[in-house]
Amino acid sequence: MGANGGHLYTVEVRPSRHDPGRFTWAIRDRGKLVRGSYRPHATEHAARAVALAEVERMIGHDGQSGGT
């Protein structure tokens, strides 16, 4: 396993189905949906930035040990 606990996260950014001109994101682990955006973002760049920050947060939680 790698530093991210063996996860193979991918980020998908797509145009929103419900809000034209806005974008949503999804995070997948080996193709399985792990997290998605609840609200659309104004730009593709903004949606990707939020998704990547969420991946970083998730990896940080994976790498933490339970003890001190």
N, C-alpha and C. Protein backbone atom coordinates (compact mmCIF):
# COMPACT_ATOMS: atom_id res chain seq x y z
N MET A 1 0.83 -1.19 0.00
CA MET A 1 0.00 0.00 0.00
C MET A 1 0.87 1.24 0.00
N GLY A 2 0.34 2.28 -0.62
CA GLY A 2 1.09 3.52 -0.69
C GLY A 2 0.78 4.44 0.48
N ALA A 3 1.24 5.67 0.38
CA ALA A 3 1.06 6.65 1.44
C ALA A 3 -0.40 7.03 1.63
N ASN A 4 -1.22 6.77 0.64
CA ASN A 4 -2.64 7.14 0.75
C ASN A 4 -3.49 5.94 1.13
N GLY A 5 -2.92 4.96 1.82
CA GLY A 5 -3.69 3.83 2.31
C GLY A 5 -4.15 2.88 1.23
N GLY A 6 -3.52 2.90 0.07
CA GLY A 6 -3.89 2.01 -1.01
C GLY A 6 -5.04 2.51 -1.87
N HIS A 7 -5.50 3.71 -1.61
CA HIS A 7 -6.59 4.27 -2.39
C HIS A 7 -6.07 4.81 -3.72
N LEU A 8 -6.88 4.73 -4.71
CA LEU A 8 -6.56 5.30 -6.03
C LEU A 8 -7.64 6.31 -6.38
N TYR A 9 -7.58 7.46 -5.72
CA TYR A 9 -8.61 8.48 -5.91
C TYR A 9 -8.50 9.13 -7.28
N THR A 10 -9.64 9.34 -7.90
CA THR A 10 -9.72 10.13 -9.12
C THR A 10 -10.78 11.20 -8.91
N VAL A 11 -10.57 12.34 -9.54
CA VAL A 11 -11.51 13.46 -9.44
C VAL A 11 -12.15 13.66 -10.80
N GLU A 12 -13.47 13.76 -10.79
CA GLU A 12 -14.23 14.07 -12.01
C GLU A 12 -14.93 15.40 -11.81
N VAL A 13 -14.81 16.28 -12.78
CA VAL A 13 -15.54 17.55 -12.76
C VAL A 13 -16.40 17.58 -14.02
N ARG A 14 -17.68 17.84 -13.80
CA ARG A 14 -18.63 17.83 -14.92
C ARG A 14 -19.58 19.01 -14.83
N PRO A 15 -20.15 19.40 -15.96
CA PRO A 15 -21.20 20.42 -15.91
C PRO A 15 -22.38 19.90 -15.10
N SER A 16 -22.98 20.79 -14.34
CA SER A 16 -24.12 20.42 -13.50
C SER A 16 -25.32 20.07 -14.38
N ARG A 17 -26.01 19.02 -13.99
CA ARG A 17 -27.24 18.63 -14.72
C ARG A 17 -28.39 19.57 -14.41
N HIS A 18 -28.35 20.18 -13.21
CA HIS A 18 -29.49 20.97 -12.74
C HIS A 18 -29.28 22.48 -12.82
N ASP A 19 -28.03 22.91 -12.88
CA ASP A 19 -27.70 24.33 -12.94
C ASP A 19 -26.79 24.60 -14.14
N PRO A 20 -27.37 24.93 -15.28
CA PRO A 20 -26.55 25.18 -16.47
C PRO A 20 -25.49 26.25 -16.22
N GLY A 21 -24.30 26.01 -16.73
CA GLY A 21 -23.20 26.95 -16.57
C GLY A 21 -22.42 26.77 -15.28
N ARG A 22 -22.82 25.80 -14.45
CA ARG A 22 -22.11 25.53 -13.20
C ARG A 22 -21.56 24.12 -13.24
N PHE A 23 -20.70 23.77 -12.26
CA PHE A 23 -19.98 22.49 -12.29
C PHE A 23 -20.07 21.76 -10.96
N THR A 24 -20.08 20.44 -11.04
CA THR A 24 -20.06 19.59 -9.85
C THR A 24 -18.84 18.68 -9.93
N TRP A 25 -18.51 18.04 -8.81
CA TRP A 25 -17.36 17.15 -8.77
C TRP A 25 -17.73 15.84 -8.10
N ALA A 26 -16.93 14.82 -8.39
CA ALA A 26 -17.06 13.52 -7.75
C ALA A 26 -15.66 12.97 -7.50
N ILE A 27 -15.50 12.30 -6.37
CA ILE A 27 -14.24 11.63 -6.05
C ILE A 27 -14.53 10.14 -6.05
N ARG A 28 -13.71 9.40 -6.78
CA ARG A 28 -13.89 7.96 -6.87
C ARG A 28 -12.63 7.24 -6.41
N ASP A 29 -12.84 6.07 -5.85
CA ASP A 29 -11.74 5.19 -5.45
C ASP A 29 -11.92 3.91 -6.25
N ARG A 30 -11.04 3.70 -7.22
CA ARG A 30 -11.12 2.56 -8.14
C ARG A 30 -12.49 2.49 -8.81
N GLY A 31 -13.02 3.64 -9.19
CA GLY A 31 -14.28 3.71 -9.91
C GLY A 31 -15.51 3.83 -9.04
N LYS A 32 -15.40 3.54 -7.75
CA LYS A 32 -16.55 3.61 -6.84
C LYS A 32 -16.66 5.02 -6.26
N LEU A 33 -17.86 5.58 -6.31
CA LEU A 33 -18.08 6.93 -5.79
C LEU A 33 -17.82 6.95 -4.29
N VAL A 34 -16.96 7.90 -3.86
CA VAL A 34 -16.63 8.06 -2.45
C VAL A 34 -17.27 9.34 -1.91
N ARG A 35 -17.15 10.42 -2.66
CA ARG A 35 -17.73 11.71 -2.27
C ARG A 35 -18.16 12.47 -3.52
N GLY A 36 -19.13 13.34 -3.36
CA GLY A 36 -19.57 14.19 -4.45
C GLY A 36 -19.97 15.55 -3.92
N SER A 37 -20.03 16.53 -4.80
CA SER A 37 -20.42 17.87 -4.38
C SER A 37 -21.93 17.94 -4.22
N TYR A 38 -22.35 18.62 -3.19
CA TYR A 38 -23.78 18.81 -2.94
C TYR A 38 -24.31 20.04 -3.65
N ARG A 39 -23.42 20.98 -3.90
CA ARG A 39 -23.85 22.19 -4.59
C ARG A 39 -22.91 22.49 -5.75
N PRO A 40 -23.45 23.05 -6.79
CA PRO A 40 -22.62 23.35 -7.97
C PRO A 40 -21.72 24.56 -7.73
N HIS A 41 -20.62 24.59 -8.47
CA HIS A 41 -19.65 25.67 -8.37
C HIS A 41 -19.69 26.52 -9.63
N ALA A 42 -19.31 27.79 -9.49
CA ALA A 42 -19.42 28.74 -10.58
C ALA A 42 -18.50 28.42 -11.76
N THR A 43 -17.34 27.82 -11.47
CA THR A 43 -16.39 27.52 -12.55
C THR A 43 -15.88 26.10 -12.39
N GLU A 44 -15.37 25.57 -13.48
CA GLU A 44 -14.75 24.24 -13.46
C GLU A 44 -13.53 24.25 -12.54
N HIS A 45 -12.77 25.33 -12.61
CA HIS A 45 -11.57 25.47 -11.77
C HIS A 45 -11.94 25.44 -10.28
N ALA A 46 -12.99 26.16 -9.90
CA ALA A 46 -13.41 26.20 -8.50
C ALA A 46 -13.86 24.82 -8.03
N ALA A 47 -14.62 24.11 -8.86
CA ALA A 47 -15.08 22.77 -8.50
C ALA A 47 -13.89 21.83 -8.31
N ARG A 48 -12.92 21.88 -9.22
CA ARG A 48 -11.74 21.02 -9.12
C ARG A 48 -10.92 21.35 -7.87
N ALA A 49 -10.78 22.62 -7.55
CA ALA A 49 -10.01 23.03 -6.37
C ALA A 49 -10.65 22.48 -5.09
N VAL A 50 -11.97 22.55 -4.99
CA VAL A 50 -12.67 22.02 -3.81
C VAL A 50 -12.50 20.51 -3.73
N ALA A 51 -12.63 19.83 -4.86
CA ALA A 51 -12.49 18.37 -4.89
C ALA A 51 -11.08 17.94 -4.50
N LEU A 52 -10.07 18.63 -5.01
CA LEU A 52 -8.69 18.28 -4.67
C LEU A 52 -8.39 18.54 -3.19
N ALA A 53 -8.96 19.60 -2.64
CA ALA A 53 -8.79 19.86 -1.21
C ALA A 53 -9.45 18.75 -0.39
N GLU A 54 -10.58 18.26 -0.84
CA GLU A 54 -11.25 17.16 -0.16
C GLU A 54 -10.41 15.87 -0.23
N VAL A 55 -9.80 15.61 -1.38
CA VAL A 55 -8.91 14.44 -1.50
C VAL A 55 -7.75 14.57 -0.52
N GLU A 56 -7.16 15.74 -0.43
CA GLU A 56 -6.06 15.96 0.51
C GLU A 56 -6.52 15.71 1.95
N ARG A 57 -7.71 16.16 2.27
CA ARG A 57 -8.26 15.95 3.62
C ARG A 57 -8.47 14.45 3.86
N MET A 58 -8.99 13.75 2.87
CA MET A 58 -9.24 12.32 3.01
C MET A 58 -7.93 11.55 3.18
N ILE A 59 -6.91 11.90 2.41
CA ILE A 59 -5.61 11.24 2.51
C ILE A 59 -5.00 11.50 3.88
N GLY A 60 -5.16 12.72 4.38
CA GLY A 60 -4.66 13.04 5.71
C GLY A 60 -5.30 12.18 6.79
N HIS A 61 -6.59 11.94 6.66
CA HIS A 61 -7.30 11.08 7.63
C HIS A 61 -6.84 9.64 7.50
N ASP A 62 -6.57 9.18 6.29
CA ASP A 62 -6.12 7.81 6.06
C ASP A 62 -4.75 7.57 6.69
N GLY A 63 -3.91 8.59 6.68
CA GLY A 63 -2.55 8.42 7.15
C GLY A 63 -2.38 8.62 8.65
N GLN A 64 -3.43 9.04 9.35
CA GLN A 64 -3.32 9.28 10.78
C GLN A 64 -3.41 7.97 11.55
N SER A 65 -2.61 7.87 12.59
CA SER A 65 -2.71 6.70 13.46
C SER A 65 -3.63 7.04 14.61
N GLY A 66 -4.16 6.03 15.25
CA GLY A 66 -5.09 6.22 16.34
C GLY A 66 -4.43 6.64 17.64
N GLY A 67 -3.13 6.40 17.79
CA GLY A 67 -2.46 6.70 19.05
C GLY A 67 -1.66 7.97 19.01
N THR A 68 -1.02 8.25 20.13
CA THR A 68 -0.18 9.45 20.20
C THR A 68 1.28 9.10 20.24
